[in-house]
Full PDB file with SEQRES, HELIX, SHEET, SSBOND, CRYST1, ORIGX, SCALE, CONECT and MASTER records, all heavy atoms in Angstrom:
SEQRES   1 A   35  LEU VAL ALA VAL ILE THR SER GLY SER ILE ASN TYR ALA          
SEQRES   2 A   35  ASP SER VAL LYS GLY ARG PHE THR ILE SER ARG ASP ASN          
SEQRES   3 A   35  ALA LYS ASN THR VAL ASP LEU GLN MET                          
SHEET    1 AA1 2 ALA A   3  ILE A   5  0                                        
SHEET    2 AA1 2 ILE A  10  TYR A  12 -1                                        
SHEET    1 AA2 2 THR A  21  ASP A  25  0                                        
SHEET    2 AA2 2 THR A  30  GLN A  34 -1                                        
CRYST1    1.000    1.000    1.000  90.00  90.00  90.00 P 1           1          
ORIGX1      1.000000  0.000000  0.000000        0.00000                         
ORIGX2      0.000000  1.000000  0.000000        0.00000                         
ORIGX3      0.000000  0.000000  1.000000        0.00000                         
SCALE1      1.000000  0.000000  0.000000        0.00000                         
SCALE2      0.000000  1.000000  0.000000        0.00000                         
SCALE3      0.000000  0.000000  1.000000        0.00000                         
ATOM      1  N   LEU A   1     -35.044 -89.730  45.097  1.00  0.00           N  
ATOM      2  CA  LEU A   1     -35.947 -88.888  45.868  1.00  0.00           C  
ATOM      3  C   LEU A   1     -35.320 -87.524  46.114  1.00  0.00           C  
ATOM      4  O   LEU A   1     -34.154 -87.423  46.489  1.00  0.00           O  
ATOM      5  CB  LEU A   1     -36.268 -89.553  47.208  1.00  0.00           C  
ATOM      6  CG  LEU A   1     -36.982 -88.678  48.244  1.00  0.00           C  
ATOM      7  CD1 LEU A   1     -38.435 -88.463  47.846  1.00  0.00           C  
ATOM      8  CD2 LEU A   1     -36.898 -89.308  49.628  1.00  0.00           C  
ATOM      9  N   VAL A   2     -36.105 -86.482  45.924  1.00  0.00           N  
ATOM     10  CA  VAL A   2     -35.714 -85.136  46.311  1.00  0.00           C  
ATOM     11  C   VAL A   2     -36.450 -84.747  47.590  1.00  0.00           C  
ATOM     12  O   VAL A   2     -35.840 -84.380  48.591  1.00  0.00           O  
ATOM     13  CB  VAL A   2     -35.996 -84.106  45.205  1.00  0.00           C  
ATOM     14  CG1 VAL A   2     -35.629 -82.704  45.675  1.00  0.00           C  
ATOM     15  CG2 VAL A   2     -35.223 -84.463  43.943  1.00  0.00           C  
ATOM     16  N   ALA A   3     -37.759 -84.833  47.550  1.00  0.00           N  
ATOM     17  CA  ALA A   3     -38.577 -84.505  48.712  1.00  0.00           C  
ATOM     18  C   ALA A   3     -39.957 -85.104  48.546  1.00  0.00           C  
ATOM     19  O   ALA A   3     -40.498 -85.138  47.444  1.00  0.00           O  
ATOM     20  CB  ALA A   3     -38.684 -82.988  48.902  1.00  0.00           C  
ATOM     21  N   VAL A   4     -40.527 -85.574  49.637  1.00  0.00           N  
ATOM     22  CA  VAL A   4     -41.878 -86.129  49.646  1.00  0.00           C  
ATOM     23  C   VAL A   4     -42.621 -85.586  50.852  1.00  0.00           C  
ATOM     24  O   VAL A   4     -42.042 -85.467  51.944  1.00  0.00           O  
ATOM     25  CB  VAL A   4     -41.859 -87.671  49.690  1.00  0.00           C  
ATOM     26  CG1 VAL A   4     -43.265 -88.223  49.903  1.00  0.00           C  
ATOM     27  CG2 VAL A   4     -41.269 -88.230  48.413  1.00  0.00           C  
ATOM     28  N   ILE A   5     -43.885 -85.273  50.661  1.00  0.00           N  
ATOM     29  CA  ILE A   5     -44.713 -84.772  51.753  1.00  0.00           C  
ATOM     30  C   ILE A   5     -45.981 -85.597  51.855  1.00  0.00           C  
ATOM     31  O   ILE A   5     -46.640 -85.876  50.853  1.00  0.00           O  
ATOM     32  CB  ILE A   5     -45.029 -83.269  51.572  1.00  0.00           C  
ATOM     33  CG1 ILE A   5     -45.805 -82.730  52.774  1.00  0.00           C  
ATOM     34  CG2 ILE A   5     -45.772 -83.004  50.271  1.00  0.00           C  
ATOM     35  CD1 ILE A   5     -45.896 -81.207  52.787  1.00  0.00           C  
ATOM     36  N   THR A   6     -46.294 -86.012  53.067  1.00  0.00           N  
ATOM     37  CA  THR A   6     -47.537 -86.703  53.375  1.00  0.00           C  
ATOM     38  C   THR A   6     -48.316 -85.850  54.362  1.00  0.00           C  
ATOM     39  O   THR A   6     -47.911 -84.742  54.699  1.00  0.00           O  
ATOM     40  CB  THR A   6     -47.279 -88.092  53.967  1.00  0.00           C  
ATOM     41  OG1 THR A   6     -46.705 -87.956  55.277  1.00  0.00           O  
ATOM     42  CG2 THR A   6     -46.322 -88.898  53.094  1.00  0.00           C  
ATOM     43  N   SER A   7     -49.425 -86.384  54.844  1.00  0.00           N  
ATOM     44  CA  SER A   7     -50.209 -85.645  55.816  1.00  0.00           C  
ATOM     45  C   SER A   7     -49.463 -85.456  57.129  1.00  0.00           C  
ATOM     46  O   SER A   7     -49.769 -84.532  57.888  1.00  0.00           O  
ATOM     47  CB  SER A   7     -51.534 -86.357  56.079  1.00  0.00           C  
ATOM     48  OG  SER A   7     -51.322 -87.654  56.593  1.00  0.00           O  
ATOM     49  N   GLY A   8     -48.481 -86.310  57.384  1.00  0.00           N  
ATOM     50  CA  GLY A   8     -47.810 -86.263  58.666  1.00  0.00           C  
ATOM     51  C   GLY A   8     -46.299 -86.165  58.657  1.00  0.00           C  
ATOM     52  O   GLY A   8     -45.682 -86.138  59.722  1.00  0.00           O  
ATOM     53  N   SER A   9     -45.693 -86.096  57.476  1.00  0.00           N  
ATOM     54  CA  SER A   9     -44.244 -86.074  57.449  1.00  0.00           C  
ATOM     55  C   SER A   9     -43.718 -85.454  56.172  1.00  0.00           C  
ATOM     56  O   SER A   9     -44.418 -85.376  55.163  1.00  0.00           O  
ATOM     57  CB  SER A   9     -43.682 -87.492  57.605  1.00  0.00           C  
ATOM     58  OG  SER A   9     -44.015 -88.295  56.483  1.00  0.00           O  
ATOM     59  N   ILE A  10     -42.463 -85.030  56.232  1.00  0.00           N  
ATOM     60  CA  ILE A  10     -41.721 -84.537  55.081  1.00  0.00           C  
ATOM     61  C   ILE A  10     -40.366 -85.216  55.082  1.00  0.00           C  
ATOM     62  O   ILE A  10     -39.727 -85.339  56.127  1.00  0.00           O  
ATOM     63  CB  ILE A  10     -41.544 -83.010  55.126  1.00  0.00           C  
ATOM     64  CG1 ILE A  10     -42.907 -82.308  55.068  1.00  0.00           C  
ATOM     65  CG2 ILE A  10     -40.652 -82.537  53.992  1.00  0.00           C  
ATOM     66  CD1 ILE A  10     -42.820 -80.802  55.231  1.00  0.00           C  
ATOM     67  N   ASN A  11     -39.940 -85.640  53.919  1.00  0.00           N  
ATOM     68  CA  ASN A  11     -38.667 -86.327  53.792  1.00  0.00           C  
ATOM     69  C   ASN A  11     -37.866 -85.691  52.664  1.00  0.00           C  
ATOM     70  O   ASN A  11     -38.358 -85.582  51.547  1.00  0.00           O  
ATOM     71  CB  ASN A  11     -38.892 -87.812  53.521  1.00  0.00           C  
ATOM     72  CG  ASN A  11     -37.619 -88.620  53.565  1.00  0.00           C  
ATOM     73  OD1 ASN A  11     -36.634 -88.215  54.181  1.00  0.00           O  
ATOM     74  ND2 ASN A  11     -37.629 -89.784  52.920  1.00  0.00           N  
ATOM     75  N   TYR A  12     -36.631 -85.283  52.960  1.00  0.00           N  
ATOM     76  CA  TYR A  12     -35.739 -84.683  51.983  1.00  0.00           C  
ATOM     77  C   TYR A  12     -34.514 -85.549  51.773  1.00  0.00           C  
ATOM     78  O   TYR A  12     -34.026 -86.201  52.699  1.00  0.00           O  
ATOM     79  CB  TYR A  12     -35.249 -83.309  52.440  1.00  0.00           C  
ATOM     80  CG  TYR A  12     -36.294 -82.227  52.524  1.00  0.00           C  
ATOM     81  CD1 TYR A  12     -36.867 -81.883  53.742  1.00  0.00           C  
ATOM     82  CD2 TYR A  12     -36.679 -81.522  51.391  1.00  0.00           C  
ATOM     83  CE1 TYR A  12     -37.807 -80.879  53.824  1.00  0.00           C  
ATOM     84  CE2 TYR A  12     -37.618 -80.515  51.468  1.00  0.00           C  
ATOM     85  CZ  TYR A  12     -38.185 -80.194  52.692  1.00  0.00           C  
ATOM     86  OH  TYR A  12     -39.114 -79.185  52.768  1.00  0.00           O  
ATOM     87  N   ALA A  13     -33.998 -85.498  50.563  1.00  0.00           N  
ATOM     88  CA  ALA A  13     -32.690 -86.067  50.325  1.00  0.00           C  
ATOM     89  C   ALA A  13     -31.645 -85.250  51.088  1.00  0.00           C  
ATOM     90  O   ALA A  13     -31.769 -84.028  51.218  1.00  0.00           O  
ATOM     91  CB  ALA A  13     -32.364 -86.059  48.834  1.00  0.00           C  
ATOM     92  N   ASP A  14     -30.626 -85.929  51.594  1.00  0.00           N  
ATOM     93  CA  ASP A  14     -29.591 -85.232  52.339  1.00  0.00           C  
ATOM     94  C   ASP A  14     -28.943 -84.113  51.520  1.00  0.00           C  
ATOM     95  O   ASP A  14     -28.563 -83.072  52.062  1.00  0.00           O  
ATOM     96  CB  ASP A  14     -28.513 -86.211  52.804  1.00  0.00           C  
ATOM     97  CG  ASP A  14     -28.988 -87.126  53.911  1.00  0.00           C  
ATOM     98  OD1 ASP A  14     -29.992 -86.798  54.574  1.00  0.00           O  
ATOM     99  OD2 ASP A  14     -28.349 -88.172  54.122  1.00  0.00           O  
ATOM    100  N   SER A  15     -28.831 -84.319  50.234  1.00  0.00           N  
ATOM    101  CA  SER A  15     -28.150 -83.366  49.376  1.00  0.00           C  
ATOM    102  C   SER A  15     -28.896 -82.044  49.211  1.00  0.00           C  
ATOM    103  O   SER A  15     -28.306 -81.058  48.772  1.00  0.00           O  
ATOM    104  CB  SER A  15     -27.897 -83.980  47.998  1.00  0.00           C  
ATOM    105  OG  SER A  15     -29.112 -84.354  47.380  1.00  0.00           O  
ATOM    106  N   VAL A  16     -30.181 -82.017  49.550  1.00  0.00           N  
ATOM    107  CA  VAL A  16     -30.964 -80.802  49.355  1.00  0.00           C  
ATOM    108  C   VAL A  16     -31.466 -80.200  50.657  1.00  0.00           C  
ATOM    109  O   VAL A  16     -32.067 -79.116  50.640  1.00  0.00           O  
ATOM    110  CB  VAL A  16     -32.157 -81.033  48.408  1.00  0.00           C  
ATOM    111  CG1 VAL A  16     -31.690 -81.668  47.107  1.00  0.00           C  
ATOM    112  CG2 VAL A  16     -33.232 -81.888  49.069  1.00  0.00           C  
ATOM    113  N   LYS A  17     -31.229 -80.859  51.768  1.00  0.00           N  
ATOM    114  CA  LYS A  17     -31.690 -80.340  53.053  1.00  0.00           C  
ATOM    115  C   LYS A  17     -31.110 -78.958  53.319  1.00  0.00           C  
ATOM    116  O   LYS A  17     -29.927 -78.719  53.119  1.00  0.00           O  
ATOM    117  CB  LYS A  17     -31.305 -81.292  54.181  1.00  0.00           C  
ATOM    118  CG  LYS A  17     -32.117 -82.570  54.228  1.00  0.00           C  
ATOM    119  CD  LYS A  17     -31.694 -83.461  55.388  1.00  0.00           C  
ATOM    120  CE  LYS A  17     -32.531 -84.719  55.440  1.00  0.00           C  
ATOM    121  NZ  LYS A  17     -32.092 -85.636  56.524  1.00  0.00           N  
ATOM    122  N   GLY A  18     -31.962 -78.064  53.763  1.00  0.00           N  
ATOM    123  CA  GLY A  18     -31.545 -76.706  54.036  1.00  0.00           C  
ATOM    124  C   GLY A  18     -31.599 -75.792  52.837  1.00  0.00           C  
ATOM    125  O   GLY A  18     -31.483 -74.570  52.988  1.00  0.00           O  
ATOM    126  N   ARG A  19     -31.759 -76.360  51.653  1.00  0.00           N  
ATOM    127  CA  ARG A  19     -31.810 -75.562  50.435  1.00  0.00           C  
ATOM    128  C   ARG A  19     -33.168 -75.634  49.740  1.00  0.00           C  
ATOM    129  O   ARG A  19     -33.611 -74.646  49.150  1.00  0.00           O  
ATOM    130  CB  ARG A  19     -30.729 -76.009  49.453  1.00  0.00           C  
ATOM    131  CG  ARG A  19     -29.312 -75.880  49.997  1.00  0.00           C  
ATOM    132  CD  ARG A  19     -28.273 -76.158  48.920  1.00  0.00           C  
ATOM    133  NE  ARG A  19     -28.359 -77.528  48.410  1.00  0.00           N  
ATOM    134  CZ  ARG A  19     -28.621 -77.843  47.140  1.00  0.00           C  
ATOM    135  NH1 ARG A  19     -28.818 -76.886  46.243  1.00  0.00           N  
ATOM    136  NH2 ARG A  19     -28.669 -79.114  46.759  1.00  0.00           N  
ATOM    137  N   PHE A  20     -33.805 -76.798  49.788  1.00  0.00           N  
ATOM    138  CA  PHE A  20     -35.089 -77.006  49.125  1.00  0.00           C  
ATOM    139  C   PHE A  20     -36.196 -77.089  50.160  1.00  0.00           C  
ATOM    140  O   PHE A  20     -35.993 -77.603  51.268  1.00  0.00           O  
ATOM    141  CB  PHE A  20     -35.093 -78.301  48.318  1.00  0.00           C  
ATOM    142  CG  PHE A  20     -34.194 -78.308  47.110  1.00  0.00           C  
ATOM    143  CD1 PHE A  20     -33.286 -77.293  46.873  1.00  0.00           C  
ATOM    144  CD2 PHE A  20     -34.274 -79.356  46.211  1.00  0.00           C  
ATOM    145  CE1 PHE A  20     -32.462 -77.311  45.760  1.00  0.00           C  
ATOM    146  CE2 PHE A  20     -33.458 -79.389  45.096  1.00  0.00           C  
ATOM    147  CZ  PHE A  20     -32.555 -78.366  44.867  1.00  0.00           C  
ATOM    148  N   THR A  21     -37.376 -76.635  49.788  1.00  0.00           N  
ATOM    149  CA  THR A  21     -38.545 -76.726  50.642  1.00  0.00           C  
ATOM    150  C   THR A  21     -39.733 -77.220  49.835  1.00  0.00           C  
ATOM    151  O   THR A  21     -40.062 -76.632  48.803  1.00  0.00           O  
ATOM    152  CB  THR A  21     -38.895 -75.368  51.274  1.00  0.00           C  
ATOM    153  OG1 THR A  21     -37.778 -74.877  52.025  1.00  0.00           O  
ATOM    154  CG2 THR A  21     -40.093 -75.515  52.211  1.00  0.00           C  
ATOM    155  N   ILE A  22     -40.358 -78.291  50.305  1.00  0.00           N  
ATOM    156  CA  ILE A  22     -41.540 -78.820  49.645  1.00  0.00           C  
ATOM    157  C   ILE A  22     -42.780 -78.350  50.395  1.00  0.00           C  
ATOM    158  O   ILE A  22     -42.777 -78.238  51.623  1.00  0.00           O  
ATOM    159  CB  ILE A  22     -41.498 -80.362  49.556  1.00  0.00           C  
ATOM    160  CG1 ILE A  22     -42.623 -80.887  48.665  1.00  0.00           C  
ATOM    161  CG2 ILE A  22     -41.543 -80.998  50.939  1.00  0.00           C  
ATOM    162  CD1 ILE A  22     -42.510 -82.380  48.350  1.00  0.00           C  
ATOM    163  N   SER A  23     -43.827 -78.071  49.658  1.00  0.00           N  
ATOM    164  CA  SER A  23     -45.083 -77.654  50.257  1.00  0.00           C  
ATOM    165  C   SER A  23     -46.234 -78.126  49.378  1.00  0.00           C  
ATOM    166  O   SER A  23     -46.045 -78.406  48.192  1.00  0.00           O  
ATOM    167  CB  SER A  23     -45.139 -76.133  50.441  1.00  0.00           C  
ATOM    168  OG  SER A  23     -45.045 -75.464  49.198  1.00  0.00           O  
ATOM    169  N   ARG A  24     -47.406 -78.214  49.965  1.00  0.00           N  
ATOM    170  CA  ARG A  24     -48.575 -78.625  49.195  1.00  0.00           C  
ATOM    171  C   ARG A  24     -49.798 -77.824  49.601  1.00  0.00           C  
ATOM    172  O   ARG A  24     -49.901 -77.336  50.726  1.00  0.00           O  
ATOM    173  CB  ARG A  24     -48.839 -80.126  49.337  1.00  0.00           C  
ATOM    174  CG  ARG A  24     -49.150 -80.594  50.748  1.00  0.00           C  
ATOM    175  CD  ARG A  24     -49.613 -82.039  50.763  1.00  0.00           C  
ATOM    176  NE  ARG A  24     -50.936 -82.178  50.153  1.00  0.00           N  
ATOM    177  CZ  ARG A  24     -51.566 -83.326  49.949  1.00  0.00           C  
ATOM    178  NH1 ARG A  24     -50.962 -84.459  50.275  1.00  0.00           N  
ATOM    179  NH2 ARG A  24     -52.764 -83.358  49.412  1.00  0.00           N  
ATOM    180  N   ASP A  25     -50.710 -77.715  48.667  1.00  0.00           N  
ATOM    181  CA  ASP A  25     -51.981 -77.056  48.881  1.00  0.00           C  
ATOM    182  C   ASP A  25     -53.051 -78.114  48.651  1.00  0.00           C  
ATOM    183  O   ASP A  25     -53.318 -78.496  47.515  1.00  0.00           O  
ATOM    184  CB  ASP A  25     -52.152 -75.877  47.929  1.00  0.00           C  
ATOM    185  CG  ASP A  25     -53.402 -75.072  48.208  1.00  0.00           C  
ATOM    186  OD1 ASP A  25     -54.412 -75.643  48.655  1.00  0.00           O  
ATOM    187  OD2 ASP A  25     -53.372 -73.844  47.974  1.00  0.00           O  
ATOM    188  N   ASN A  26     -53.642 -78.590  49.726  1.00  0.00           N  
ATOM    189  CA  ASN A  26     -54.620 -79.666  49.616  1.00  0.00           C  
ATOM    190  C   ASN A  26     -55.858 -79.257  48.821  1.00  0.00           C  
ATOM    191  O   ASN A  26     -56.426 -80.069  48.095  1.00  0.00           O  
ATOM    192  CB  ASN A  26     -55.037 -80.137  51.006  1.00  0.00           C  
ATOM    193  CG  ASN A  26     -53.925 -80.847  51.746  1.00  0.00           C  
ATOM    194  OD1 ASN A  26     -53.028 -81.433  51.136  1.00  0.00           O  
ATOM    195  ND2 ASN A  26     -53.976 -80.812  53.069  1.00  0.00           N  
ATOM    196  N   ALA A  27     -56.271 -78.010  48.968  1.00  0.00           N  
ATOM    197  CA  ALA A  27     -57.458 -77.537  48.268  1.00  0.00           C  
ATOM    198  C   ALA A  27     -57.255 -77.511  46.758  1.00  0.00           C  
ATOM    199  O   ALA A  27     -58.189 -77.756  45.995  1.00  0.00           O  
ATOM    200  CB  ALA A  27     -57.858 -76.158  48.771  1.00  0.00           C  
ATOM    201  N   LYS A  28     -56.049 -77.210  46.326  1.00  0.00           N  
ATOM    202  CA  LYS A  28     -55.749 -77.113  44.903  1.00  0.00           C  
ATOM    203  C   LYS A  28     -55.096 -78.367  44.336  1.00  0.00           C  
ATOM    204  O   LYS A  28     -54.854 -78.442  43.135  1.00  0.00           O  
ATOM    205  CB  LYS A  28     -54.843 -75.912  44.639  1.00  0.00           C  
ATOM    206  CG  LYS A  28     -55.461 -74.574  44.991  1.00  0.00           C  
ATOM    207  CD  LYS A  28     -54.491 -73.437  44.709  1.00  0.00           C  
ATOM    208  CE  LYS A  28     -55.101 -72.091  45.037  1.00  0.00           C  
ATOM    209  NZ  LYS A  28     -54.159 -70.971  44.785  1.00  0.00           N  
ATOM    210  N   ASN A  29     -54.788 -79.325  45.199  1.00  0.00           N  
ATOM    211  CA  ASN A  29     -54.081 -80.537  44.776  1.00  0.00           C  
ATOM    212  C   ASN A  29     -52.778 -80.208  44.055  1.00  0.00           C  
ATOM    213  O   ASN A  29     -52.493 -80.723  42.968  1.00  0.00           O  
ATOM    214  CB  ASN A  29     -54.972 -81.409  43.889  1.00  0.00           C  
ATOM    215  CG  ASN A  29     -56.063 -82.115  44.664  1.00  0.00           C  
ATOM    216  OD1 ASN A  29     -55.943 -82.341  45.867  1.00  0.00           O  
ATOM    217  ND2 ASN A  29     -57.134 -82.472  43.967  1.00  0.00           N  
ATOM    218  N   THR A  30     -52.006 -79.343  44.663  1.00  0.00           N  
ATOM    219  CA  THR A  30     -50.726 -78.965  44.097  1.00  0.00           C  
ATOM    220  C   THR A  30     -49.602 -79.219  45.094  1.00  0.00           C  
ATOM    221  O   THR A  30     -49.819 -79.223  46.305  1.00  0.00           O  
ATOM    222  CB  THR A  30     -50.684 -77.490  43.692  1.00  0.00           C  
ATOM    223  OG1 THR A  30     -50.930 -76.662  44.835  1.00  0.00           O  
ATOM    224  CG2 THR A  30     -51.727 -77.200  42.626  1.00  0.00           C  
ATOM    225  N   VAL A  31     -48.422 -79.420  44.565  1.00  0.00           N  
ATOM    226  CA  VAL A  31     -47.225 -79.535  45.380  1.00  0.00           C  
ATOM    227  C   VAL A  31     -46.137 -78.700  44.722  1.00  0.00           C  
ATOM    228  O   VAL A  31     -45.966 -78.743  43.502  1.00  0.00           O  
ATOM    229  CB  VAL A  31     -46.785 -81.003  45.558  1.00  0.00           C  
ATOM    230  CG1 VAL A  31     -46.469 -81.664  44.218  1.00  0.00           C  
ATOM    231  CG2 VAL A  31     -45.597 -81.094  46.497  1.00  0.00           C  
ATOM    232  N   ASP A  32     -45.432 -77.934  45.527  1.00  0.00           N  
ATOM    233  CA  ASP A  32     -44.377 -77.063  45.036  1.00  0.00           C  
ATOM    234  C   ASP A  32     -43.041 -77.461  45.636  1.00  0.00           C  
ATOM    235  O   ASP A  32     -42.969 -78.060  46.706  1.00  0.00           O  
ATOM    236  CB  ASP A  32     -44.659 -75.609  45.391  1.00  0.00           C  
ATOM    237  CG  ASP A  32     -45.837 -75.018  44.640  1.00  0.00           C  
ATOM    238  OD1 ASP A  32     -46.395 -75.694  43.756  1.00  0.00           O  
ATOM    239  OD2 ASP A  32     -46.203 -73.866  44.952  1.00  0.00           O  
ATOM    240  N   LEU A  33     -41.998 -77.112  44.935  1.00  0.00           N  
ATOM    241  CA  LEU A  33     -40.646 -77.310  45.440  1.00  0.00           C  
ATOM    242  C   LEU A  33     -39.872 -76.024  45.233  1.00  0.00           C  
ATOM    243  O   LEU A  33     -39.559 -75.658  44.102  1.00  0.00           O  
ATOM    244  CB  LEU A  33     -39.952 -78.471  44.718  1.00  0.00           C  
ATOM    245  CG  LEU A  33     -38.564 -78.834  45.242  1.00  0.00           C  
ATOM    246  CD1 LEU A  33     -38.667 -79.459  46.635  1.00  0.00           C  
ATOM    247  CD2 LEU A  33     -37.867 -79.797  44.280  1.00  0.00           C  
ATOM    248  N   GLN A  34     -39.601 -75.335  46.325  1.00  0.00           N  
ATOM    249  CA  GLN A  34     -38.784 -74.134  46.281  1.00  0.00           C  
ATOM    250  C   GLN A  34     -37.330 -74.549  46.393  1.00  0.00           C  
ATOM    251  O   GLN A  34     -36.935 -75.170  47.379  1.00  0.00           O  
ATOM    252  CB  GLN A  34     -39.158 -73.182  47.416  1.00  0.00           C  
ATOM    253  CG  GLN A  34     -38.324 -71.912  47.470  1.00  0.00           C  
ATOM    254  CD  GLN A  34     -38.539 -71.021  46.274  1.00  0.00           C  
ATOM    255  OE1 GLN A  34     -39.668 -70.781  45.874  1.00  0.00           O  
ATOM    256  NE2 GLN A  34     -37.451 -70.542  45.678  1.00  0.00           N  
ATOM    257  N   MET A  35     -36.543 -74.204  45.400  1.00  0.00           N  
ATOM    258  CA  MET A  35     -35.147 -74.604  45.344  1.00  0.00           C  
ATOM    259  C   MET A  35     -34.273 -73.361  45.418  1.00  0.00           C  
ATOM    260  O   MET A  35     -34.297 -72.520  44.519  1.00  0.00           O  
ATOM    261  CB  MET A  35     -34.856 -75.386  44.066  1.00  0.00           C  
ATOM    262  CG  MET A  35     -35.760 -76.602  43.870  1.00  0.00           C  
ATOM    263  SD  MET A  35     -35.300 -77.604  42.425  1.00  0.00           S  
ATOM    264  CE  MET A  35     -35.660 -76.432  41.109  1.00  0.00           C  
TER     265      MET A  35                                                      
MASTER        0    0    0    0    4    0    0    6  264    1    0    3          
END                                                                             
């Protein structure tokens, strides 16, 4: 696991916390990972 996002939570691997950011666009059904 790197990162997972649900409607109510976000979970990151310890190794990427503070460096990676996950986000999603519900209207477009997309998920991004900024590293």
